PDB file of N, CA and C in Angstrom:
ATOM      1  N   UNK A   1      -2.552 -45.969  52.602  1.00  0.00           N
ATOM      2  CA  UNK A   1      -3.277 -45.820  51.383  1.00  0.00           C
ATOM      3  C   UNK A   1      -4.758 -45.829  51.720  1.00  0.00           C
ATOM      4  N   UNK A   2      -5.499 -45.017  51.031  1.00  0.00           N
ATOM      5  CA  UNK A   2      -6.941 -44.979  51.183  1.00  0.00           C
ATOM      6  C   UNK A   2      -7.576 -45.048  49.810  1.00  0.00           C
ATOM      7  N   UNK A   3      -8.595 -45.878  49.689  1.00  0.00           N
ATOM      8  CA  UNK A   3      -9.363 -45.976  48.449  1.00  0.00           C
ATOM      9  C   UNK A   3     -10.748 -45.420  48.750  1.00  0.00           C
ATOM     10  N   UNK A   4     -11.134 -44.408  47.974  1.00  0.00           N
ATOM     11  CA  UNK A   4     -12.429 -43.763  48.171  1.00  0.00           C
ATOM     12  C   UNK A   4     -13.272 -44.007  46.921  1.00  0.00           C
ATOM     13  N   UNK A   5     -14.385 -44.737  47.059  1.00  0.00           N
ATOM     14  CA  UNK A   5     -15.220 -45.014  45.889  1.00  0.00           C
ATOM     15  C   UNK A   5     -15.864 -43.742  45.356  1.00  0.00           C
ATOM     16  N   UNK A   6     -16.082 -43.733  44.066  1.00  0.00           N
ATOM     17  CA  UNK A   6     -16.736 -42.603  43.410  1.00  0.00           C
ATOM     18  C   UNK A   6     -18.024 -43.110  42.776  1.00  0.00           C
ATOM     19  N   UNK A   7     -19.141 -42.600  43.212  1.00  0.00           N
ATOM     20  CA  UNK A   7     -20.421 -43.069  42.703  1.00  0.00           C
ATOM     21  C   UNK A   7     -20.855 -44.317  43.460  1.00  0.00           C
ATOM     22  N   UNK A   8     -21.956 -44.880  43.065  1.00  0.00           N
ATOM     23  CA  UNK A   8     -22.455 -46.074  43.735  1.00  0.00           C
ATOM     24  C   UNK A   8     -23.183 -45.720  45.019  1.00  0.00           C
ATOM     25  N   UNK A   9     -23.921 -46.677  45.513  1.00  0.00           N
ATOM     26  CA  UNK A   9     -24.680 -46.459  46.735  1.00  0.00           C
ATOM     27  C   UNK A   9     -24.650 -47.721  47.584  1.00  0.00           C
ATOM     28  N   UNK A  10     -25.117 -47.602  48.811  1.00  0.00           N
ATOM     29  CA  UNK A  10     -25.237 -48.764  49.677  1.00  0.00           C
ATOM     30  C   UNK A  10     -24.046 -48.962  50.579  1.00  0.00           C
ATOM     31  N   UNK A  11     -24.130 -50.008  51.399  1.00  0.00           N
ATOM     32  CA  UNK A  11     -23.108 -50.295  52.396  1.00  0.00           C
ATOM     33  C   UNK A  11     -21.796 -50.794  51.809  1.00  0.00           C
ATOM     34  N   UNK A  12     -21.790 -51.260  50.571  1.00  0.00           N
ATOM     35  CA  UNK A  12     -20.574 -51.824  49.988  1.00  0.00           C
ATOM     36  C   UNK A  12     -19.680 -50.769  49.354  1.00  0.00           C
ATOM     37  N   UNK A  13     -20.120 -49.543  49.303  1.00  0.00           N
ATOM     38  CA  UNK A  13     -19.327 -48.475  48.689  1.00  0.00           C
ATOM     39  C   UNK A  13     -18.733 -47.579  49.770  1.00  0.00           C
ATOM     40  N   UNK A  14     -17.933 -48.155  50.643  1.00  0.00           N
ATOM     41  CA  UNK A  14     -17.318 -47.392  51.727  1.00  0.00           C
ATOM     42  C   UNK A  14     -15.833 -47.176  51.463  1.00  0.00           C
ATOM     43  N   UNK A  15     -15.288 -46.180  52.108  1.00  0.00           N
ATOM     44  CA  UNK A  15     -13.860 -45.902  52.064  1.00  0.00           C
ATOM     45  C   UNK A  15     -13.100 -47.049  52.728  1.00  0.00           C
ATOM     46  N   UNK A  16     -11.969 -47.434  52.123  1.00  0.00           N
ATOM     47  CA  UNK A  16     -11.130 -48.498  52.665  1.00  0.00           C
ATOM     48  C   UNK A  16      -9.741 -47.915  52.907  1.00  0.00           C
ATOM     49  N   UNK A  17      -9.174 -48.176  54.075  1.00  0.00           N
ATOM     50  CA  UNK A  17      -7.859 -47.655  54.429  1.00  0.00           C
ATOM     51  C   UNK A  17      -6.932 -48.792  54.842  1.00  0.00           C
ATOM     52  N   UNK A  18      -5.691 -48.713  54.394  1.00  0.00           N
ATOM     53  CA  UNK A  18      -4.673 -49.684  54.784  1.00  0.00           C
ATOM     54  C   UNK A  18      -3.774 -49.000  55.804  1.00  0.00           C
ATOM     55  N   UNK A  19      -3.639 -49.589  56.965  1.00  0.00           N
ATOM     56  CA  UNK A  19      -2.873 -48.953  58.034  1.00  0.00           C
ATOM     57  C   UNK A  19      -1.441 -49.489  58.143  1.00  0.00           C
ATOM     58  N   UNK A  20      -1.046 -50.345  57.221  1.00  0.00           N
ATOM     59  CA  UNK A  20       0.291 -50.928  57.252  1.00  0.00           C
ATOM     60  C   UNK A  20       1.117 -50.370  56.100  1.00  0.00           C
ATOM     61  N   UNK A  21       2.419 -50.239  56.279  1.00  0.00           N
ATOM     62  CA  UNK A  21       3.313 -49.790  55.219  1.00  0.00           C
ATOM     63  C   UNK A  21       3.641 -50.996  54.343  1.00  0.00           C
ATOM     64  N   UNK A  22       2.892 -51.176  53.276  1.00  0.00           N
ATOM     65  CA  UNK A  22       3.067 -52.338  52.410  1.00  0.00           C
ATOM     66  C   UNK A  22       4.387 -52.317  51.644  1.00  0.00           C
ATOM     67  N   UNK A  23       5.019 -51.162  51.506  1.00  0.00           N
ATOM     68  CA  UNK A  23       6.299 -51.096  50.806  1.00  0.00           C
ATOM     69  C   UNK A  23       7.354 -51.970  51.472  1.00  0.00           C
ATOM     70  N   UNK A  24       7.276 -52.133  52.769  1.00  0.00           N
ATOM     71  CA  UNK A  24       8.273 -52.929  53.486  1.00  0.00           C
ATOM     72  C   UNK A  24       8.108 -54.426  53.221  1.00  0.00           C
ATOM     73  N   UNK A  25       6.972 -54.837  52.656  1.00  0.00           N
ATOM     74  CA  UNK A  25       6.724 -56.241  52.319  1.00  0.00           C
ATOM     75  C   UNK A  25       7.005 -56.515  50.844  1.00  0.00           C
ATOM     76  N   UNK A  26       7.408 -55.505  50.099  1.00  0.00           N
ATOM     77  CA  UNK A  26       7.657 -55.632  48.668  1.00  0.00           C
ATOM     78  C   UNK A  26       8.879 -56.519  48.411  1.00  0.00           C
ATOM     79  N   UNK A  27       8.754 -57.505  47.493  1.00  0.00           N
ATOM     80  CA  UNK A  27       9.920 -58.338  47.156  1.00  0.00           C
ATOM     81  C   UNK A  27      11.073 -57.485  46.618  1.00  0.00           C
ATOM     82  N   UNK A  28      12.288 -57.869  46.931  1.00  0.00           N
ATOM     83  CA  UNK A  28      13.496 -57.113  46.567  1.00  0.00           C
ATOM     84  C   UNK A  28      13.523 -56.727  45.086  1.00  0.00           C
ATOM     85  N   UNK A  29      13.156 -57.660  44.205  1.00  0.00           N
ATOM     86  CA  UNK A  29      13.205 -57.399  42.762  1.00  0.00           C
ATOM     87  C   UNK A  29      12.203 -56.355  42.294  1.00  0.00           C
ATOM     88  N   UNK A  30      11.212 -56.041  43.120  1.00  0.00           N
ATOM     89  CA  UNK A  30      10.175 -55.091  42.722  1.00  0.00           C
ATOM     90  C   UNK A  30      10.303 -53.746  43.433  1.00  0.00           C
ATOM     91  N   UNK A  31      11.219 -53.632  44.359  1.00  0.00           N
ATOM     92  CA  UNK A  31      11.340 -52.423  45.179  1.00  0.00           C
ATOM     93  C   UNK A  31      11.817 -51.213  44.382  1.00  0.00           C
ATOM     94  N   UNK A  32      11.225 -50.057  44.699  1.00  0.00           N
ATOM     95  CA  UNK A  32      11.701 -48.763  44.232  1.00  0.00           C
ATOM     96  C   UNK A  32      12.356 -48.114  45.447  1.00  0.00           C
ATOM     97  N   UNK A  33      13.648 -47.819  45.349  1.00  0.00           N
ATOM     98  CA  UNK A  33      14.412 -47.328  46.493  1.00  0.00           C
ATOM     99  C   UNK A  33      14.887 -45.904  46.238  1.00  0.00           C
ATOM    100  N   UNK A  34      14.778 -45.060  47.267  1.00  0.00           N
ATOM    101  CA  UNK A  34      15.260 -43.682  47.204  1.00  0.00           C
ATOM    102  C   UNK A  34      15.992 -43.393  48.502  1.00  0.00           C
ATOM    103  N   UNK A  35      17.252 -43.012  48.400  1.00  0.00           N
ATOM    104  CA  UNK A  35      18.079 -42.738  49.576  1.00  0.00           C
ATOM    105  C   UNK A  35      18.069 -43.896  50.571  1.00  0.00           C
ATOM    106  N   UNK A  36      18.125 -45.126  50.033  1.00  0.00           N
ATOM    107  CA  UNK A  36      18.205 -46.311  50.887  1.00  0.00           C
ATOM    108  C   UNK A  36      16.887 -46.762  51.492  1.00  0.00           C
ATOM    109  N   UNK A  37      15.782 -46.085  51.158  1.00  0.00           N
ATOM    110  CA  UNK A  37      14.485 -46.428  51.728  1.00  0.00           C
ATOM    111  C   UNK A  37      13.542 -46.898  50.621  1.00  0.00           C
ATOM    112  N   UNK A  38      12.792 -47.980  50.878  1.00  0.00           N
ATOM    113  CA  UNK A  38      11.810 -48.463  49.920  1.00  0.00           C
ATOM    114  C   UNK A  38      10.649 -47.470  49.900  1.00  0.00           C
ATOM    115  N   UNK A  39      10.411 -46.877  48.717  1.00  0.00           N
ATOM    116  CA  UNK A  39       9.375 -45.858  48.593  1.00  0.00           C
ATOM    117  C   UNK A  39       8.218 -46.309  47.707  1.00  0.00           C
ATOM    118  N   UNK A  40       8.352 -47.472  47.100  1.00  0.00           N
ATOM    119  CA  UNK A  40       7.292 -47.980  46.242  1.00  0.00           C
ATOM    120  C   UNK A  40       7.579 -49.405  45.838  1.00  0.00           C
ATOM    121  N   UNK A  41       6.580 -50.017  45.227  1.00  0.00           N
ATOM    122  CA  UNK A  41       6.692 -51.404  44.781  1.00  0.00           C
ATOM    123  C   UNK A  41       6.180 -51.482  43.345  1.00  0.00           C
ATOM    124  N   UNK A  42       7.053 -51.825  42.420  1.00  0.00           N
ATOM    125  CA  UNK A  42       6.681 -51.925  41.011  1.00  0.00           C
ATOM    126  C   UNK A  42       5.822 -53.165  40.773  1.00  0.00           C
ATOM    127  N   UNK A  43       5.040 -53.120  39.728  1.00  0.00           N
ATOM    128  CA  UNK A  43       4.352 -54.326  39.291  1.00  0.00           C
ATOM    129  C   UNK A  43       5.392 -55.219  38.612  1.00  0.00           C
ATOM    130  N   UNK A  44       5.112 -56.500  38.526  1.00  0.00           N
ATOM    131  CA  UNK A  44       6.030 -57.420  37.840  1.00  0.00           C
ATOM    132  C   UNK A  44       6.165 -57.026  36.368  1.00  0.00           C
ATOM    133  N   UNK A  45       5.084 -56.521  35.775  1.00  0.00           N
ATOM    134  CA  UNK A  45       5.134 -56.085  34.380  1.00  0.00           C
ATOM    135  C   UNK A  45       6.162 -54.972  34.201  1.00  0.00           C
ATOM    136  N   UNK A  46       6.113 -53.962  35.061  1.00  0.00           N
ATOM    137  CA  UNK A  46       7.050 -52.835  34.956  1.00  0.00           C
ATOM    138  C   UNK A  46       8.477 -53.294  35.245  1.00  0.00           C
ATOM    139  N   UNK A  47       8.657 -54.142  36.249  1.00  0.00           N
ATOM    140  CA  UNK A  47       9.995 -54.559  36.659  1.00  0.00           C
ATOM    141  C   UNK A  47      10.675 -55.471  35.632  1.00  0.00           C
ATOM    142  N   UNK A  48       9.919 -56.395  35.048  1.00  0.00           N
ATOM    143  CA  UNK A  48      10.523 -57.412  34.190  1.00  0.00           C
ATOM    144  C   UNK A  48      10.172 -57.270  32.707  1.00  0.00           C
ATOM    145  N   UNK A  49       9.118 -56.518  32.386  1.00  0.00           N
ATOM    146  CA  UNK A  49       8.689 -56.278  31.006  1.00  0.00           C
ATOM    147  C   UNK A  49       8.651 -57.558  30.168  1.00  0.00           C
ATOM    148  N   UNK A  50       7.963 -58.576  30.688  1.00  0.00           N
ATOM    149  CA  UNK A  50       7.816 -59.846  29.972  1.00  0.00           C
ATOM    150  C   UNK A  50       6.334 -60.137  29.780  1.00  0.00           C
ATOM    151  N   UNK A  51       5.976 -60.751  28.643  1.00  0.00           N
ATOM    152  CA  UNK A  51       4.565 -61.016  28.353  1.00  0.00           C
ATOM    153  C   UNK A  51       3.830 -61.765  29.463  1.00  0.00           C
ATOM    154  N   UNK A  52       4.493 -62.680  30.133  1.00  0.00           N
ATOM    155  CA  UNK A  52       3.813 -63.455  31.178  1.00  0.00           C
ATOM    156  C   UNK A  52       3.422 -62.613  32.384  1.00  0.00           C
ATOM    157  N   UNK A  53       4.070 -61.478  32.566  1.00  0.00           N
ATOM    158  CA  UNK A  53       3.723 -60.593  33.673  1.00  0.00           C
ATOM    159  C   UNK A  53       2.847 -59.418  33.234  1.00  0.00           C
ATOM    160  N   UNK A  54       2.826 -59.148  31.928  1.00  0.00           N
ATOM    161  CA  UNK A  54       2.092 -57.999  31.404  1.00  0.00           C
ATOM    162  C   UNK A  54       0.795 -58.391  30.703  1.00  0.00           C
ATOM    163  N   UNK A  55       0.527 -59.693  30.623  1.00  0.00           N
ATOM    164  CA  UNK A  55      -0.681 -60.162  29.909  1.00  0.00           C
ATOM    165  C   UNK A  55      -0.700 -59.594  28.490  1.00  0.00           C
ATOM    166  N   UNK A  56       0.434 -59.702  27.798  1.00  0.00           N
ATOM    167  CA  UNK A  56       0.545 -59.166  26.444  1.00  0.00           C
ATOM    168  C   UNK A  56       0.978 -60.281  25.487  1.00  0.00           C
ATOM    169  N   UNK A  57       1.042 -59.947  24.210  1.00  0.00           N
ATOM    170  CA  UNK A  57       1.422 -60.936  23.217  1.00  0.00           C
ATOM    171  C   UNK A  57       0.462 -62.111  23.217  1.00  0.00           C
ATOM    172  N   UNK A  58       0.977 -63.309  23.109  1.00  0.00           N
ATOM    173  CA  UNK A  58       0.146 -64.516  23.106  1.00  0.00           C
ATOM    174  C   UNK A  58      -0.627 -64.687  24.412  1.00  0.00           C
ATOM    175  N   UNK A  59      -0.141 -64.078  25.477  1.00  0.00           N
ATOM    176  CA  UNK A  59      -0.788 -64.217  26.774  1.00  0.00           C
ATOM    177  C   UNK A  59      -1.836 -63.132  27.022  1.00  0.00           C
ATOM    178  N   UNK A  60      -2.061 -62.276  26.067  1.00  0.00           N
ATOM    179  CA  UNK A  60      -2.986 -61.170  26.239  1.00  0.00           C
ATOM    180  C   UNK A  60      -4.455 -61.536  26.178  1.00  0.00           C
ATOM    181  N   UNK A  61      -4.761 -62.706  25.689  1.00  0.00           N
ATOM    182  CA  UNK A  61      -6.161 -63.084  25.538  1.00  0.00           C
ATOM    183  C   UNK A  61      -6.554 -64.245  26.420  1.00  0.00           C
ATOM    184  N   UNK A  62      -5.750 -64.545  27.434  1.00  0.00           N
ATOM    185  CA  UNK A  62      -6.075 -65.696  28.293  1.00  0.00           C
ATOM    186  C   UNK A  62      -6.792 -65.257  29.541  1.00  0.00           C
TER     187      UNK A  62
END
């Protein structure tokens, strides 16, 4: 994965690259699997759809 900043100036606005396959570190409950291979990692909000993970409902203003 590479993150490329848009706009901004100075030394803090540099491209950042991750050289590790983070999908392999994804917890089992969050894994997106295709043909037996982990291809993505869901957020807890998407996986469980509960207010405590989505910052919604009563937990939306904390």
